[in-house]
Amino acid sequence: MTPDLRDRAYRWIAEDVDETARAELQGVLASAMGGEAAAVGELADRMSGPLRFGTAGLRGPVRAGPNGMNTAVVVRTTAGVASWLAKQGHAGGIVVLGRDARHGSAAFATAAAEVLAAAGFVVRTLPAPIPTPVLAFAVGQLGAVAGIQITASHNPPADNGYKLYDHTGVQIVPPADGEIEAEIAAAPGARSVPRSQGATEATQVPLAYLERVAGLPAGQARELRVVATALHGVGAETLRQAMLRAGFAEPVLVAPQAEPDPDFPTVSFPNPEEPGATDLLLELAEREEADLAIALDPDADRCALGVRDGGSWRMLRGDEAGVLLGEYVLSTVEEPDPLVATTIVSSAMLAEIAAAHGARYAETLTGFKWLARAGQGLVFAYEEALGLCVNPGFVRDKDGIAAAVLACDLAATLRARGRTIPGALDELAVRHGVHRTEQVSLRVTELGRIGELMSGLRADPPGTLAGTGVRAEDLLPDADVLRLRGPGLRVVIRPSGTEPKLKAYLEVTEPVADEGELPVARTRAEDRLTRLRTEIESLLTP
């Protein structure tokens, strides 16, 4: 317990605007001053902020102190955003705010609106709680200079966050994030930041969004039985209305997960990628004899698809959903010279699909803030972490609601032709080769461990993986990424931008001579991937 740590805690407490948060931090400080080692460590952690803009904005546990999500942090962050917007020539413009239903979201959204109103901006709030894609849509719909969504997306229940969109409707990228962080650092204590009433509700925006989504289907078939889950998030009602407006039957929802609940009681992690998160959905799909299963993440910007494959149900990997919808968009798109995009950690199959359609292809760094800026003529973008943008014309971000509607369109079209989604995946594999992808994640409790592992891998990268010679490519300073590539094999290793994880993205490819060889090619790919996964797991946990 150093005098500096004690004094910084005292100063933060004195400037905190929330009585409950002040009492919380005072309790930790008192225990630390009493000599409790655990309390000293906790206080140091809480005071080690501020939160930084990562892959998708600010995220952190809801707790008192600068290294957490709380009203004081939101007030100072918004003061910094307001100052930055003014310096960009956007003073007095419209700023639109939305929120999810997590712990603290309502209070944080109110605080942000009050800071912006006092700073002279026209503040429009969305009917809350609401999916993040509706907020991204609202920026363009309202001609806003910025949009703010209070959400932690698919993070654990204890977290919350702050997503920031610029006037183009895309999440901010460097150097804007660093400029905003400098303005936040220069902001006064939260008590000294002016706040006032004055926000008005943008009630027309959700309806305008639904009307645009309803126009996405390219096919005429609508006969489809769908089950869906919102994973205790905010997407169920918007998904239901979107499907009905598009002409599909109302989805059958996983009842225990249909209403927003910030404690996420039925899942360990509210992320469709996590093992067990979609168990209730697949059980419902079996009971209902469904044609398609849909899982949204809690803020409904991600979409996972489940299908019957053989005798049982399974969730598609993000890359499978991405190439399926990418192929469908390119087969139905009317725009001249279309562009499709994915990230450096996603499957290479989209490049093959684009070439077959005579379309342009782009590959970006991880995150939709980069994908949305991939270039002119963008008609489709995806990332393997279940992020799908099938509607860049009106949402320049991943959109789980729109992706779900287009997936229904594809599934109904295939069904009307006597085909299935697994069959469509087989056809893509025959044309473009088997592309098998997987992710290995190492969750850490000490964030410094991630930096140590990345430094070690850079200093001594492997020369072979799964019996294949590989070369290392370091993407620093542009990105904290190490890429290992060899014939028919690719590994990308990077820290997560939203969770305390080190992630490795694996891909192996095998050519397919004809349909009859597909099972053999799949077996070869699975064997190589198993060997690769084992070696990467060993590499990450020496």
Protein backbone atom coordinates (compact mmCIF):
# COMPACT_ATOMS: atom_id res chain seq x y z
CA MET A 1 0.00 0.00 0.00
CA THR A 2 1.89 3.05 -1.26
CA PRO A 3 1.05 6.67 -0.46
CA ASP A 4 0.55 7.29 -4.19
CA LEU A 5 -2.02 4.49 -4.50
CA ARG A 6 -3.83 5.72 -1.39
CA ASP A 7 -3.89 9.33 -2.62
CA ARG A 8 -5.14 8.41 -6.07
CA ALA A 9 -7.96 6.42 -4.52
CA TYR A 10 -8.89 9.35 -2.24
CA ARG A 11 -8.97 11.73 -5.22
CA TRP A 12 -11.15 9.38 -7.27
CA ILE A 13 -13.59 8.90 -4.39
CA ALA A 14 -13.83 12.65 -3.89
CA GLU A 15 -14.75 13.16 -7.57
CA ASP A 16 -17.08 10.17 -7.96
CA VAL A 17 -20.66 11.14 -8.78
CA ASP A 18 -22.28 7.94 -7.58
CA GLU A 19 -22.80 7.45 -3.85
CA THR A 20 -22.89 3.66 -4.10
CA ALA A 21 -19.65 3.54 -6.07
CA ARG A 22 -17.96 5.90 -3.61
CA ALA A 23 -18.93 3.66 -0.71
CA GLU A 24 -17.72 0.60 -2.62
CA LEU A 25 -14.26 2.04 -3.26
CA GLN A 26 -14.05 3.45 0.26
CA GLY A 27 -14.59 -0.07 1.57
CA VAL A 28 -11.78 -1.48 -0.55
CA LEU A 29 -9.49 1.39 0.47
CA ALA A 30 -10.24 0.90 4.16
CA SER A 31 -9.42 -2.80 3.95
CA ALA A 32 -6.21 -2.05 2.06
CA MET A 33 -5.16 0.52 4.64
CA GLY A 34 -5.90 -2.08 7.29
CA GLY A 35 -3.20 -4.30 5.80
CA GLU A 36 -5.27 -6.87 3.90
CA ALA A 37 -3.03 -8.03 1.07
CA ALA A 38 -5.94 -9.05 -1.17
CA ALA A 39 -7.54 -5.63 -0.75
CA VAL A 40 -4.27 -3.90 -1.66
CA GLY A 41 -4.11 -5.94 -4.86
CA GLU A 42 -7.73 -5.21 -5.66
CA LEU A 43 -7.30 -1.50 -5.05
CA ALA A 44 -4.22 -1.40 -7.26
CA ASP A 45 -6.17 -3.18 -10.00
CA ARG A 46 -9.15 -0.83 -9.73
CA MET A 47 -6.87 2.21 -9.88
CA SER A 48 -4.75 0.89 -12.77
CA GLY A 49 -7.07 2.39 -15.40
CA PRO A 50 -8.28 4.14 -17.34
CA LEU A 51 -10.08 1.69 -19.58
CA ARG A 52 -8.72 1.81 -23.13
CA PHE A 53 -10.48 1.56 -26.48
CA GLY A 54 -9.95 -1.97 -27.79
CA THR A 55 -11.32 -3.94 -30.73
CA ALA A 56 -14.87 -2.83 -29.92
CA GLY A 57 -14.76 0.17 -27.59
CA LEU A 58 -14.33 0.23 -23.83
CA ARG A 59 -15.14 -2.84 -21.75
CA GLY A 60 -14.61 -3.70 -18.13
CA PRO A 61 -16.23 -5.00 -14.96
CA VAL A 62 -19.00 -2.91 -13.42
CA ARG A 63 -17.21 -1.61 -10.33
CA ALA A 64 -15.91 1.60 -8.78
CA GLY A 65 -12.58 3.07 -9.85
CA PRO A 66 -11.02 4.19 -13.13
CA ASN A 67 -10.37 0.60 -14.28
CA GLY A 68 -14.04 -0.32 -14.31
CA MET A 69 -17.35 0.61 -15.88
CA ASN A 70 -19.19 3.04 -13.62
CA THR A 71 -20.99 6.37 -13.89
CA ALA A 72 -17.88 8.43 -13.16
CA VAL A 73 -15.94 6.68 -15.93
CA VAL A 74 -18.84 7.14 -18.36
CA VAL A 75 -19.13 10.83 -17.46
CA ARG A 76 -15.44 11.51 -18.04
CA THR A 77 -15.35 9.35 -21.19
CA THR A 78 -18.31 11.21 -22.65
CA ALA A 79 -16.76 14.56 -21.75
CA GLY A 80 -13.69 13.47 -23.72
CA VAL A 81 -15.83 12.34 -26.65
CA ALA A 82 -17.70 15.66 -26.64
CA SER A 83 -14.44 17.62 -26.66
CA TRP A 84 -13.05 15.50 -29.49
CA LEU A 85 -16.22 15.90 -31.57
CA ALA A 86 -16.06 19.66 -31.17
CA LYS A 87 -12.44 19.71 -32.32
CA GLN A 88 -13.47 17.64 -35.37
CA GLY A 89 -15.94 20.36 -36.34
CA HIS A 90 -19.05 18.53 -35.08
CA ALA A 91 -20.02 20.83 -32.20
CA GLY A 92 -23.78 21.07 -31.77
CA GLY A 93 -24.49 18.04 -33.97
CA ILE A 94 -26.78 15.10 -33.29
CA VAL A 95 -25.46 12.29 -31.10
CA VAL A 96 -27.62 9.18 -30.78
CA LEU A 97 -27.47 6.82 -27.79
CA GLY A 98 -28.63 3.27 -27.22
CA ARG A 99 -28.11 0.64 -24.55
CA ASP A 100 -28.51 -3.02 -23.74
CA ALA A 101 -29.98 -4.46 -20.53
CA ARG A 102 -26.81 -5.20 -18.58
CA HIS A 103 -26.13 -4.07 -15.04
CA GLY A 104 -25.64 -0.31 -15.07
CA SER A 105 -26.61 0.24 -18.72
CA ALA A 106 -29.62 2.48 -18.00
CA ALA A 107 -27.70 4.72 -15.60
CA PHE A 108 -24.67 4.90 -17.89
CA ALA A 109 -26.77 5.85 -20.92
CA THR A 110 -28.53 8.57 -18.93
CA ALA A 111 -25.23 9.98 -17.69
CA ALA A 112 -23.77 10.04 -21.22
CA ALA A 113 -26.88 11.81 -22.55
CA GLU A 114 -26.68 14.44 -19.82
CA VAL A 115 -23.01 15.19 -20.49
CA LEU A 116 -23.62 15.57 -24.23
CA ALA A 117 -26.67 17.78 -23.70
CA ALA A 118 -24.70 20.09 -21.41
CA ALA A 119 -21.94 20.23 -24.04
CA GLY A 120 -24.41 21.60 -26.58
CA PHE A 121 -25.14 18.51 -28.67
CA VAL A 122 -28.59 17.47 -29.88
CA VAL A 123 -29.09 14.19 -28.04
CA ARG A 124 -31.40 11.50 -29.38
CA THR A 125 -31.93 8.30 -27.42
CA LEU A 126 -33.27 5.01 -28.76
CA PRO A 127 -36.11 3.17 -27.04
CA ALA A 128 -34.15 0.97 -24.67
CA PRO A 129 -32.96 -1.69 -24.40
CA ILE A 130 -32.22 -2.25 -28.09
CA PRO A 131 -29.80 -4.22 -30.32
CA THR A 132 -26.50 -2.58 -31.23
CA PRO A 133 -27.14 -2.79 -35.01
CA VAL A 134 -30.14 -0.48 -34.58
CA LEU A 135 -27.83 2.10 -33.01
CA ALA A 136 -25.36 1.74 -35.88
CA PHE A 137 -28.24 2.22 -38.32
CA ALA A 138 -29.50 5.25 -36.39
CA VAL A 139 -26.26 7.20 -36.96
CA GLY A 140 -26.88 7.32 -40.70
CA GLN A 141 -30.66 7.51 -40.42
CA LEU A 142 -30.52 10.61 -38.20
CA GLY A 143 -27.47 12.21 -39.80
CA ALA A 144 -25.69 12.02 -36.45
CA VAL A 145 -22.10 13.08 -35.83
CA ALA A 146 -21.63 10.12 -33.47
CA GLY A 147 -23.39 7.17 -31.89
CA ILE A 148 -22.84 5.58 -28.48
CA GLN A 149 -24.07 2.15 -27.43
CA ILE A 150 -23.75 1.10 -23.79
CA THR A 151 -23.09 -2.63 -24.05
CA ALA A 152 -20.55 -5.35 -23.31
CA SER A 153 -21.94 -7.54 -26.11
CA HIS A 154 -21.11 -11.18 -25.26
CA ASN A 155 -18.76 -10.53 -22.32
CA PRO A 156 -19.37 -12.18 -18.92
CA PRO A 157 -22.27 -10.88 -16.79
CA ALA A 158 -20.06 -8.72 -14.57
CA ASP A 159 -18.95 -6.54 -17.49
CA ASN A 160 -20.31 -3.56 -19.34
CA GLY A 161 -18.92 -1.35 -22.09
CA TYR A 162 -19.10 1.71 -24.32
CA LYS A 163 -19.10 1.42 -28.13
CA LEU A 164 -18.46 4.59 -30.10
CA TYR A 165 -19.41 5.19 -33.74
CA ASP A 166 -18.23 8.17 -35.77
CA HIS A 167 -20.31 10.21 -38.25
CA THR A 168 -19.94 7.49 -40.91
CA GLY A 169 -21.72 4.95 -38.70
CA VAL A 170 -18.55 2.88 -38.19
CA GLN A 171 -16.76 2.23 -34.92
CA ILE A 172 -13.73 4.45 -34.40
CA VAL A 173 -10.20 3.49 -35.49
CA PRO A 174 -6.75 4.98 -34.86
CA PRO A 175 -5.81 7.75 -34.55
CA ALA A 176 -9.28 8.75 -33.31
CA ASP A 177 -9.13 6.37 -30.33
CA GLY A 178 -5.85 7.82 -29.10
CA GLU A 179 -7.10 11.37 -29.62
CA ILE A 180 -10.24 10.63 -27.61
CA GLU A 181 -8.24 8.97 -24.83
CA ALA A 182 -6.12 12.12 -24.61
CA GLU A 183 -9.28 14.22 -24.26
CA ILE A 184 -10.56 11.89 -21.54
CA ALA A 185 -7.27 12.19 -19.67
CA ALA A 186 -7.59 15.99 -19.87
CA ALA A 187 -11.20 15.98 -18.63
CA PRO A 188 -11.88 17.17 -15.08
CA GLY A 189 -13.09 14.91 -12.32
CA ALA A 190 -16.59 13.54 -12.85
CA ARG A 191 -18.17 15.93 -10.33
CA SER A 192 -16.86 18.90 -12.32
CA VAL A 193 -18.26 17.76 -15.68
CA PRO A 194 -21.45 19.71 -16.53
CA ARG A 195 -24.63 17.65 -17.02
CA SER A 196 -28.13 18.66 -18.02
CA GLN A 197 -31.42 17.26 -19.28
CA GLY A 198 -32.54 17.67 -22.87
CA ALA A 199 -32.44 14.32 -24.69
CA THR A 200 -35.38 13.29 -26.86
CA GLU A 201 -36.36 9.78 -27.89
CA ALA A 202 -35.93 8.73 -31.53
CA THR A 203 -39.00 6.51 -31.60
CA GLN A 204 -39.13 6.21 -35.40
CA VAL A 205 -35.68 4.62 -35.81
CA PRO A 206 -36.47 0.98 -34.89
CA LEU A 207 -39.37 0.87 -37.37
CA ALA A 208 -37.22 2.34 -40.15
CA TYR A 209 -34.55 -0.28 -39.40
CA LEU A 210 -37.07 -3.13 -39.55
CA GLU A 211 -38.41 -1.90 -42.88
CA ARG A 212 -34.92 -1.98 -44.38
CA VAL A 213 -34.17 -5.45 -42.99
CA ALA A 214 -37.48 -6.79 -44.32
CA GLY A 215 -36.33 -5.91 -47.84
CA LEU A 216 -33.18 -8.05 -47.69
CA PRO A 217 -34.47 -11.48 -48.86
CA ALA A 218 -33.74 -12.14 -52.53
CA GLY A 219 -35.78 -15.34 -52.85
CA GLN A 220 -39.53 -15.92 -52.85
CA ALA A 221 -39.74 -18.98 -50.60
CA ARG A 222 -40.92 -18.36 -47.04
CA GLU A 223 -41.86 -21.80 -45.72
CA LEU A 224 -39.48 -22.39 -42.85
CA ARG A 225 -39.70 -23.43 -39.20
CA VAL A 226 -37.20 -21.51 -37.10
CA VAL A 227 -36.20 -21.70 -33.45
CA ALA A 228 -34.15 -18.94 -31.87
CA THR A 229 -32.53 -17.68 -28.70
CA ALA A 230 -31.51 -14.22 -27.53
CA LEU A 231 -29.28 -15.65 -24.75
CA HIS A 232 -30.96 -13.38 -22.19
CA GLY A 233 -30.08 -10.37 -24.34
CA VAL A 234 -32.06 -7.69 -26.13
CA GLY A 235 -32.57 -9.23 -29.58
CA ALA A 236 -35.65 -11.45 -29.28
CA GLU A 237 -38.38 -8.92 -30.04
CA THR A 238 -36.46 -7.22 -32.86
CA LEU A 239 -35.74 -10.61 -34.44
CA ARG A 240 -39.38 -11.63 -34.13
CA GLN A 241 -40.60 -8.45 -35.80
CA ALA A 242 -37.94 -8.60 -38.50
CA MET A 243 -38.88 -12.15 -39.49
CA LEU A 244 -42.58 -11.38 -39.55
CA ARG A 245 -42.06 -8.26 -41.68
CA ALA A 246 -39.90 -10.27 -44.08
CA GLY A 247 -42.74 -12.79 -44.50
CA PHE A 248 -41.46 -15.67 -42.40
CA ALA A 249 -43.32 -17.38 -39.59
CA GLU A 250 -42.65 -16.18 -36.07
CA PRO A 251 -39.65 -17.98 -34.59
CA VAL A 252 -40.13 -20.32 -31.64
CA LEU A 253 -38.01 -18.83 -28.87
CA VAL A 254 -36.07 -20.60 -26.15
CA ALA A 255 -38.41 -19.36 -23.41
CA PRO A 256 -35.94 -19.27 -20.46
CA GLN A 257 -33.58 -17.09 -22.54
CA ALA A 258 -36.07 -14.85 -24.34
CA GLU A 259 -36.27 -11.92 -21.92
CA PRO A 260 -33.33 -9.65 -21.06
CA ASP A 261 -31.61 -10.73 -17.84
CA PRO A 262 -28.24 -9.18 -16.91
CA ASP A 263 -27.31 -12.21 -14.80
CA PHE A 264 -27.53 -14.61 -17.80
CA PRO A 265 -28.67 -17.43 -15.48
CA THR A 266 -28.76 -20.34 -17.97
CA VAL A 267 -25.29 -19.93 -19.51
CA SER A 268 -21.76 -19.79 -18.16
CA PHE A 269 -20.78 -17.22 -20.79
CA PRO A 270 -23.43 -15.45 -22.90
CA ASN A 271 -21.58 -16.11 -26.14
CA PRO A 272 -22.91 -18.50 -28.83
CA GLU A 273 -19.32 -19.63 -29.46
CA GLU A 274 -18.88 -20.95 -25.92
CA PRO A 275 -19.48 -24.68 -25.26
CA GLY A 276 -22.95 -25.28 -23.85
CA ALA A 277 -24.33 -21.82 -24.65
CA THR A 278 -26.64 -23.15 -27.38
CA ASP A 279 -27.60 -26.46 -25.77
CA LEU A 280 -31.16 -25.31 -25.00
CA LEU A 281 -31.51 -23.99 -28.56
CA LEU A 282 -30.50 -27.26 -30.18
CA GLU A 283 -32.75 -29.23 -27.82
CA LEU A 284 -35.66 -27.01 -28.86
CA ALA A 285 -34.77 -27.43 -32.54
CA GLU A 286 -34.98 -31.20 -32.15
CA ARG A 287 -38.33 -31.05 -30.34
CA GLU A 288 -39.85 -28.60 -32.83
CA GLU A 289 -38.47 -30.44 -35.88
CA ALA A 290 -37.11 -27.08 -37.02
CA ASP A 291 -35.44 -26.24 -40.31
CA LEU A 292 -33.04 -23.69 -38.84
CA ALA A 293 -31.80 -22.61 -35.41
CA ILE A 294 -30.62 -19.05 -34.72
CA ALA A 295 -28.62 -17.79 -31.74
CA LEU A 296 -28.03 -14.09 -31.20
CA ASP A 297 -25.49 -12.79 -28.75
CA PRO A 298 -26.79 -10.46 -25.99
CA ASP A 299 -26.62 -7.22 -28.01
CA ALA A 300 -27.71 -9.02 -31.20
CA ASP A 301 -24.83 -7.94 -33.40
CA ARG A 302 -23.63 -11.54 -33.78
CA CYS A 303 -25.56 -14.44 -35.24
CA ALA A 304 -24.87 -18.18 -35.00
CA LEU A 305 -26.72 -20.75 -37.11
CA GLY A 306 -27.66 -24.30 -36.17
CA VAL A 307 -28.62 -27.03 -38.65
CA ARG A 308 -29.51 -30.69 -38.70
CA ASP A 309 -26.47 -32.48 -40.11
CA GLY A 310 -27.10 -36.16 -40.58
CA GLY A 311 -28.95 -37.45 -37.54
CA SER A 312 -28.21 -34.64 -35.11
CA TRP A 313 -28.14 -30.89 -34.73
CA ARG A 314 -24.98 -28.80 -34.63
CA MET A 315 -23.98 -25.13 -34.71
CA LEU A 316 -22.14 -23.94 -37.78
CA ARG A 317 -18.72 -22.48 -37.26
CA GLY A 318 -18.48 -18.77 -37.99
CA ASP A 319 -16.48 -19.45 -41.14
CA GLU A 320 -19.13 -21.86 -42.41
CA ALA A 321 -21.89 -19.29 -41.93
CA GLY A 322 -19.67 -16.63 -43.48
CA VAL A 323 -18.89 -18.46 -46.70
CA LEU A 324 -22.50 -19.65 -47.06
CA LEU A 325 -23.94 -16.16 -46.83
CA GLY A 326 -21.08 -14.69 -48.85
CA GLU A 327 -21.84 -17.11 -51.68
CA TYR A 328 -25.56 -16.31 -51.42
CA VAL A 329 -25.03 -12.55 -51.49
CA LEU A 330 -22.74 -12.77 -54.52
CA SER A 331 -25.17 -15.06 -56.33
CA THR A 332 -28.02 -12.56 -55.89
CA VAL A 333 -26.32 -9.15 -55.79
CA GLU A 334 -27.15 -6.59 -58.48
CA GLU A 335 -24.47 -4.01 -57.71
CA PRO A 336 -21.70 -3.70 -60.35
CA ASP A 337 -18.15 -4.66 -59.34
CA PRO A 338 -19.07 -5.88 -55.83
CA LEU A 339 -16.58 -6.20 -53.00
CA VAL A 340 -16.61 -8.81 -50.22
CA ALA A 341 -14.31 -8.75 -47.22
CA THR A 342 -13.17 -10.78 -44.26
CA THR A 343 -10.35 -10.61 -41.73
CA ILE A 344 -6.87 -12.10 -41.52
CA VAL A 345 -8.10 -14.69 -39.01
CA SER A 346 -11.07 -15.92 -41.07
CA SER A 347 -11.23 -18.67 -43.69
CA ALA A 348 -9.52 -18.13 -47.03
CA MET A 349 -12.49 -19.71 -48.83
CA LEU A 350 -14.24 -16.36 -49.28
CA ALA A 351 -11.41 -15.29 -51.59
CA GLU A 352 -12.05 -18.36 -53.75
CA ILE A 353 -15.79 -17.66 -53.81
CA ALA A 354 -15.21 -14.03 -54.79
CA ALA A 355 -12.91 -15.06 -57.64
CA ALA A 356 -15.51 -17.52 -58.94
CA HIS A 357 -18.07 -14.70 -59.11
CA GLY A 358 -15.65 -12.17 -60.60
CA ALA A 359 -15.98 -10.06 -57.45
CA ARG A 360 -13.33 -8.11 -55.58
CA TYR A 361 -12.00 -9.42 -52.29
CA ALA A 362 -10.36 -7.64 -49.35
CA GLU A 363 -8.75 -8.86 -46.13
CA THR A 364 -8.47 -6.59 -43.09
CA LEU A 365 -7.28 -6.58 -39.51
CA THR A 366 -9.64 -8.10 -36.96
CA GLY A 367 -12.75 -6.11 -36.10
CA PHE A 368 -15.68 -4.67 -38.00
CA LYS A 369 -14.25 -1.18 -37.58
CA TRP A 370 -11.79 -2.29 -40.26
CA LEU A 371 -14.12 -4.48 -42.31
CA ALA A 372 -16.63 -1.67 -42.73
CA ARG A 373 -13.82 0.41 -44.23
CA ALA A 374 -12.68 -2.33 -46.64
CA GLY A 375 -13.52 -0.27 -49.74
CA GLN A 376 -16.14 1.06 -52.11
CA GLY A 377 -18.83 -1.31 -53.34
CA LEU A 378 -18.84 -3.48 -50.19
CA VAL A 379 -21.80 -5.86 -50.31
CA PHE A 380 -20.81 -8.41 -47.66
CA ALA A 381 -18.33 -8.80 -44.82
CA TYR A 382 -17.81 -11.35 -42.09
CA GLU A 383 -15.43 -12.38 -39.33
CA GLU A 384 -15.13 -15.89 -37.97
CA ALA A 385 -16.35 -14.85 -34.49
CA LEU A 386 -19.96 -14.97 -35.75
CA GLY A 387 -19.89 -11.40 -37.08
CA LEU A 388 -21.88 -11.04 -40.31
CA CYS A 389 -22.72 -7.91 -42.27
CA VAL A 390 -25.16 -8.68 -45.08
CA ASN A 391 -26.45 -5.10 -45.21
CA PRO A 392 -23.54 -2.63 -45.42
CA GLY A 393 -25.79 -0.25 -47.34
CA PHE A 394 -27.56 0.73 -44.12
CA VAL A 395 -25.61 -0.83 -41.22
CA ARG A 396 -21.85 -0.48 -41.40
CA ASP A 397 -21.19 -3.04 -38.68
CA LYS A 398 -22.01 -6.65 -37.95
CA ASP A 399 -25.76 -7.18 -37.69
CA GLY A 400 -27.14 -10.38 -36.19
CA ILE A 401 -30.76 -9.49 -36.95
CA ALA A 402 -30.19 -8.85 -40.66
CA ALA A 403 -27.93 -11.91 -40.93
CA ALA A 404 -30.64 -14.06 -39.36
CA VAL A 405 -33.23 -12.83 -41.86
CA LEU A 406 -30.94 -13.51 -44.83
CA ALA A 407 -30.07 -16.94 -43.41
CA CYS A 408 -33.80 -17.68 -43.31
CA ASP A 409 -34.04 -16.57 -46.93
CA LEU A 410 -31.21 -18.92 -47.91
CA ALA A 411 -32.58 -21.84 -45.89
CA ALA A 412 -36.11 -21.42 -47.28
CA THR A 413 -34.79 -21.16 -50.84
CA LEU A 414 -32.73 -24.33 -50.42
CA ARG A 415 -35.66 -26.12 -48.79
CA ALA A 416 -37.95 -25.23 -51.70
CA ARG A 417 -35.38 -26.78 -54.06
CA GLY A 418 -35.03 -29.95 -52.00
CA ARG A 419 -31.58 -28.96 -50.75
CA THR A 420 -30.07 -28.35 -47.32
CA ILE A 421 -27.49 -26.08 -45.75
CA PRO A 422 -25.04 -28.96 -45.08
CA GLY A 423 -25.47 -29.93 -48.73
CA ALA A 424 -24.69 -26.37 -49.81
CA LEU A 425 -21.52 -26.49 -47.70
CA ASP A 426 -20.53 -29.75 -49.43
CA GLU A 427 -20.95 -28.09 -52.83
CA LEU A 428 -18.70 -25.21 -51.78
CA ALA A 429 -16.06 -27.68 -50.58
CA VAL A 430 -16.12 -29.58 -53.89
CA ARG A 431 -15.69 -26.34 -55.84
CA HIS A 432 -13.15 -24.61 -53.62
CA GLY A 433 -11.55 -27.34 -51.49
CA VAL A 434 -12.07 -28.34 -47.87
CA HIS A 435 -11.28 -25.40 -45.60
CA ARG A 436 -11.29 -26.55 -41.99
CA THR A 437 -10.93 -23.89 -39.31
CA GLU A 438 -10.78 -23.89 -35.54
CA GLN A 439 -9.80 -21.60 -32.69
CA VAL A 440 -7.61 -22.29 -29.68
CA SER A 441 -8.01 -19.84 -26.79
CA LEU A 442 -5.97 -19.42 -23.64
CA ARG A 443 -7.82 -17.49 -20.93
CA VAL A 444 -5.52 -15.78 -18.44
CA THR A 445 -5.95 -14.16 -15.06
CA GLU A 446 -2.84 -11.98 -15.37
CA LEU A 447 -2.94 -9.84 -18.52
CA GLY A 448 0.85 -9.54 -18.49
CA ARG A 449 1.04 -13.23 -19.32
CA ILE A 450 -0.32 -12.53 -22.82
CA GLY A 451 2.52 -10.12 -23.59
CA GLU A 452 5.08 -12.62 -22.30
CA LEU A 453 3.74 -15.38 -24.55
CA MET A 454 3.61 -13.13 -27.62
CA SER A 455 7.20 -11.97 -27.00
CA GLY A 456 8.37 -15.57 -26.65
CA LEU A 457 6.69 -16.64 -29.87
CA ARG A 458 8.17 -13.70 -31.75
CA ALA A 459 11.64 -14.49 -30.46
CA ASP A 460 11.44 -18.18 -31.31
CA PRO A 461 8.61 -19.02 -33.76
CA PRO A 462 8.17 -22.64 -34.85
CA GLY A 463 9.64 -23.66 -38.21
CA THR A 464 7.23 -26.53 -38.80
CA LEU A 465 3.63 -27.25 -37.79
CA ALA A 466 1.75 -30.49 -38.38
CA GLY A 467 4.63 -31.71 -40.52
CA THR A 468 4.51 -28.64 -42.77
CA GLY A 469 7.23 -26.02 -43.03
CA VAL A 470 5.94 -22.58 -42.01
CA ARG A 471 7.29 -19.05 -42.09
CA ALA A 472 6.49 -16.41 -39.50
CA GLU A 473 5.15 -12.96 -40.34
CA ASP A 474 4.99 -10.31 -37.60
CA LEU A 475 2.29 -7.69 -38.20
CA LEU A 476 3.69 -5.21 -35.70
CA PRO A 477 3.44 -2.21 -35.53
CA ASP A 478 0.11 -2.29 -37.39
CA ALA A 479 -1.32 -5.05 -35.20
CA ASP A 480 -0.20 -7.29 -32.33
CA VAL A 481 -0.43 -10.37 -34.54
CA LEU A 482 1.91 -13.19 -35.46
CA ARG A 483 1.00 -15.16 -38.57
CA LEU A 484 2.46 -18.59 -39.44
CA ARG A 485 1.86 -19.91 -42.94
CA GLY A 486 2.79 -22.93 -45.01
CA PRO A 487 1.28 -24.95 -47.88
CA GLY A 488 -2.37 -25.62 -47.01
CA LEU A 489 -1.91 -24.37 -43.44
CA ARG A 490 -2.27 -21.07 -41.59
CA VAL A 491 -2.14 -20.02 -37.93
CA VAL A 492 -2.81 -16.49 -36.67
CA ILE A 493 -2.00 -15.71 -33.03
CA ARG A 494 -3.22 -12.52 -31.35
CA PRO A 495 -4.49 -11.19 -28.02
CA SER A 496 -8.26 -10.78 -27.83
CA GLY A 497 -9.42 -7.19 -28.01
CA THR A 498 -12.46 -7.81 -25.80
CA GLU A 499 -11.54 -10.57 -23.33
CA PRO A 500 -8.47 -11.66 -21.29
CA LYS A 501 -7.50 -14.30 -23.84
CA LEU A 502 -4.70 -15.20 -26.21
CA LYS A 503 -6.25 -16.61 -29.37
CA ALA A 504 -4.89 -18.79 -32.16
CA TYR A 505 -6.89 -19.16 -35.37
CA LEU A 506 -6.15 -22.34 -37.30
CA GLU A 507 -6.92 -23.26 -40.89
CA VAL A 508 -6.00 -26.25 -43.02
CA THR A 509 -7.06 -26.75 -46.63
CA GLU A 510 -7.29 -29.85 -48.78
CA PRO A 511 -8.09 -29.93 -52.51
CA VAL A 512 -11.07 -31.98 -53.71
CA ALA A 513 -10.91 -33.61 -57.14
CA ASP A 514 -14.60 -34.48 -57.32
CA GLU A 515 -17.66 -35.11 -55.16
CA GLY A 516 -16.68 -38.72 -54.53
CA GLU A 517 -13.38 -37.66 -52.99
CA LEU A 518 -14.96 -35.21 -50.54
CA PRO A 519 -15.14 -37.64 -47.55
CA VAL A 520 -11.48 -38.57 -47.98
CA ALA A 521 -10.43 -34.92 -48.27
CA ARG A 522 -12.41 -34.09 -45.14
CA THR A 523 -10.69 -36.90 -43.24
CA ARG A 524 -7.28 -35.66 -44.33
CA ALA A 525 -8.18 -32.13 -43.25
CA GLU A 526 -9.48 -33.29 -39.86
CA ASP A 527 -6.34 -35.32 -39.22
CA ARG A 528 -4.09 -32.39 -40.06
CA LEU A 529 -6.20 -30.01 -37.96
CA THR A 530 -6.10 -32.34 -34.96
CA ARG A 531 -2.33 -32.53 -35.16
CA LEU A 532 -2.08 -28.76 -35.63
CA ARG A 533 -4.40 -28.04 -32.70
CA THR A 534 -2.36 -30.28 -30.39
CA GLU A 535 0.87 -28.54 -31.36
CA ILE A 536 -0.60 -25.04 -30.94
CA GLU A 537 -2.08 -25.90 -27.54
CA SER A 538 1.37 -27.07 -26.46
CA LEU A 539 2.93 -23.90 -27.90
CA LEU A 540 0.58 -21.64 -25.92
CA THR A 541 0.93 -23.50 -22.63
CA PRO A 542 4.65 -24.32 -22.29
